[in-house]
Amino acid sequence: MDLPFAQKRWCGAAGVDKVTTLSDHRDASFGTAYGTLIKELRLLARCVFVVDRDGVIRYIQLVKEVTKEPDYASILEAVKKLLKK
């Protein structure tokens, strides 16, 4: 739900330059469609989707508390499985 300028600022500060950022700020369509919108707060839940080359979601990790980090080891394992195919 961050605005594009905030995403760009974060990427610059974190040295992230190979990621395309998207913002759901205007109409929350992504959060609504994928069930990640926290309506009361107008925020998206912290969630990781691993998508294959055909655009099929192959792994989802919904973090129960937005202040917590995802389990990156599990995410990387899911990605590595896809790369072996």
C-alpha atoms as a PDB file:
ATOM      1  CA  MET A   1       0.000   0.000   0.000  1.00  0.00           C
ATOM      2  CA  ASP A   2       3.051   2.256  -0.003  1.00  0.00           C
ATOM      3  CA  LEU A   3       3.111   5.046  -2.516  1.00  0.00           C
ATOM      4  CA  PRO A   4       5.484   4.572  -5.470  1.00  0.00           C
ATOM      5  CA  PHE A   5       7.843   7.342  -4.287  1.00  0.00           C
ATOM      6  CA  ALA A   6       8.211   5.625  -0.890  1.00  0.00           C
ATOM      7  CA  GLN A   7       8.948   2.303  -2.581  1.00  0.00           C
ATOM      8  CA  LYS A   8      11.580   3.952  -4.757  1.00  0.00           C
ATOM      9  CA  ARG A   9      13.165   5.600  -1.717  1.00  0.00           C
ATOM     10  CA  TRP A  10      13.282   2.267   0.162  1.00  0.00           C
ATOM     11  CA  CYS A  11      14.817   0.461  -2.819  1.00  0.00           C
ATOM     12  CA  GLY A  12      17.490   3.148  -3.125  1.00  0.00           C
ATOM     13  CA  ALA A  13      18.340   3.015   0.569  1.00  0.00           C
ATOM     14  CA  ALA A  14      18.452  -0.803   0.574  1.00  0.00           C
ATOM     15  CA  GLY A  15      20.456  -1.077  -2.664  1.00  0.00           C
ATOM     16  CA  VAL A  16      17.631  -2.930  -4.387  1.00  0.00           C
ATOM     17  CA  ASP A  17      17.857  -2.361  -8.132  1.00  0.00           C
ATOM     18  CA  LYS A  18      16.548  -5.527  -9.795  1.00  0.00           C
ATOM     19  CA  VAL A  19      12.969  -5.449  -8.503  1.00  0.00           C
ATOM     20  CA  THR A  20       9.858  -4.016 -10.075  1.00  0.00           C
ATOM     21  CA  THR A  21       7.671  -2.465  -7.399  1.00  0.00           C
ATOM     22  CA  LEU A  22       3.921  -2.075  -7.653  1.00  0.00           C
ATOM     23  CA  SER A  23       1.594  -0.039  -5.469  1.00  0.00           C
ATOM     24  CA  ASP A  24      -1.893  -1.069  -4.373  1.00  0.00           C
ATOM     25  CA  HIS A  25      -2.460   2.334  -2.794  1.00  0.00           C
ATOM     26  CA  ARG A  26      -5.187   3.665  -5.084  1.00  0.00           C
ATOM     27  CA  ASP A  27      -7.872   0.994  -5.034  1.00  0.00           C
ATOM     28  CA  ALA A  28      -6.530  -1.985  -3.037  1.00  0.00           C
ATOM     29  CA  SER A  29      -7.409  -4.288  -5.945  1.00  0.00           C
ATOM     30  CA  PHE A  30      -4.496  -6.667  -5.340  1.00  0.00           C
ATOM     31  CA  GLY A  31      -5.224  -6.981  -1.631  1.00  0.00           C
ATOM     32  CA  THR A  32      -8.893  -7.560  -2.324  1.00  0.00           C
ATOM     33  CA  ALA A  33      -8.270 -10.126  -5.070  1.00  0.00           C
ATOM     34  CA  TYR A  34      -5.636 -12.095  -3.135  1.00  0.00           C
ATOM     35  CA  GLY A  35      -7.125 -11.819   0.342  1.00  0.00           C
ATOM     36  CA  THR A  36      -4.286  -9.820   1.855  1.00  0.00           C
ATOM     37  CA  LEU A  37      -6.129  -6.549   2.523  1.00  0.00           C
ATOM     38  CA  ILE A  38      -6.558  -5.609   6.190  1.00  0.00           C
ATOM     39  CA  LYS A  39      -9.591  -3.383   5.634  1.00  0.00           C
ATOM     40  CA  GLU A  40      -9.644  -1.766   9.091  1.00  0.00           C
ATOM     41  CA  LEU A  41      -6.073  -0.514   8.683  1.00  0.00           C
ATOM     42  CA  ARG A  42      -6.033  -0.153   4.878  1.00  0.00           C
ATOM     43  CA  LEU A  43      -2.832  -2.163   4.833  1.00  0.00           C
ATOM     44  CA  LEU A  44      -1.787  -5.380   3.153  1.00  0.00           C
ATOM     45  CA  ALA A  45      -0.871  -8.364   5.265  1.00  0.00           C
ATOM     46  CA  ARG A  46       2.770  -9.394   4.999  1.00  0.00           C
ATOM     47  CA  CYS A  47       2.658 -12.193   2.482  1.00  0.00           C
ATOM     48  CA  VAL A  48       5.060 -13.802   0.014  1.00  0.00           C
ATOM     49  CA  PHE A  49       3.889 -15.341  -3.236  1.00  0.00           C
ATOM     50  CA  VAL A  50       6.264 -17.465  -5.313  1.00  0.00           C
ATOM     51  CA  VAL A  51       5.071 -17.491  -8.910  1.00  0.00           C
ATOM     52  CA  ASP A  52       6.352 -19.827 -11.619  1.00  0.00           C
ATOM     53  CA  ARG A  53       7.276 -18.859 -15.179  1.00  0.00           C
ATOM     54  CA  ASP A  54       3.697 -19.459 -16.320  1.00  0.00           C
ATOM     55  CA  GLY A  55       2.294 -17.044 -13.743  1.00  0.00           C
ATOM     56  CA  VAL A  56       0.940 -19.788 -11.468  1.00  0.00           C
ATOM     57  CA  ILE A  57       1.262 -19.224  -7.731  1.00  0.00           C
ATOM     58  CA  ARG A  58       3.257 -22.187  -6.394  1.00  0.00           C
ATOM     59  CA  TYR A  59       3.900 -21.079  -2.816  1.00  0.00           C
ATOM     60  CA  ILE A  60       2.230 -18.699  -0.377  1.00  0.00           C
ATOM     61  CA  GLN A  61       3.463 -17.648   3.026  1.00  0.00           C
ATOM     62  CA  LEU A  62       1.157 -15.400   5.025  1.00  0.00           C
ATOM     63  CA  VAL A  63       2.938 -13.934   8.032  1.00  0.00           C
ATOM     64  CA  LYS A  64       0.517 -13.805  10.970  1.00  0.00           C
ATOM     65  CA  GLU A  65       1.856 -10.518  12.343  1.00  0.00           C
ATOM     66  CA  VAL A  66       2.816  -7.680   9.975  1.00  0.00           C
ATOM     67  CA  THR A  67       5.665  -6.639  12.263  1.00  0.00           C
ATOM     68  CA  LYS A  68       7.357 -10.050  11.852  1.00  0.00           C
ATOM     69  CA  GLU A  69       9.640 -11.152   9.032  1.00  0.00           C
ATOM     70  CA  PRO A  70       8.713 -14.073   6.790  1.00  0.00           C
ATOM     71  CA  ASP A  71      10.540 -17.395   6.995  1.00  0.00           C
ATOM     72  CA  TYR A  72      13.048 -16.678   4.245  1.00  0.00           C
ATOM     73  CA  ALA A  73      14.564 -20.186   4.313  1.00  0.00           C
ATOM     74  CA  SER A  74      11.206 -21.723   3.391  1.00  0.00           C
ATOM     75  CA  ILE A  75      10.706 -19.183   0.626  1.00  0.00           C
ATOM     76  CA  LEU A  76      14.133 -19.881  -0.859  1.00  0.00           C
ATOM     77  CA  GLU A  77      13.448 -23.617  -0.697  1.00  0.00           C
ATOM     78  CA  ALA A  78      10.221 -23.121  -2.685  1.00  0.00           C
ATOM     79  CA  VAL A  79      12.085 -21.038  -5.282  1.00  0.00           C
ATOM     80  CA  LYS A  80      14.880 -23.608  -5.596  1.00  0.00           C
ATOM     81  CA  LYS A  81      12.306 -26.366  -6.213  1.00  0.00           C
ATOM     82  CA  LEU A  82      10.850 -24.348  -9.068  1.00  0.00           C
ATOM     83  CA  LEU A  83      14.271 -23.721 -10.571  1.00  0.00           C
ATOM     84  CA  LYS A  84      14.947 -27.464 -10.693  1.00  0.00           C
ATOM     85  CA  LYS A  85      11.926 -28.046 -12.943  1.00  0.00           C
END
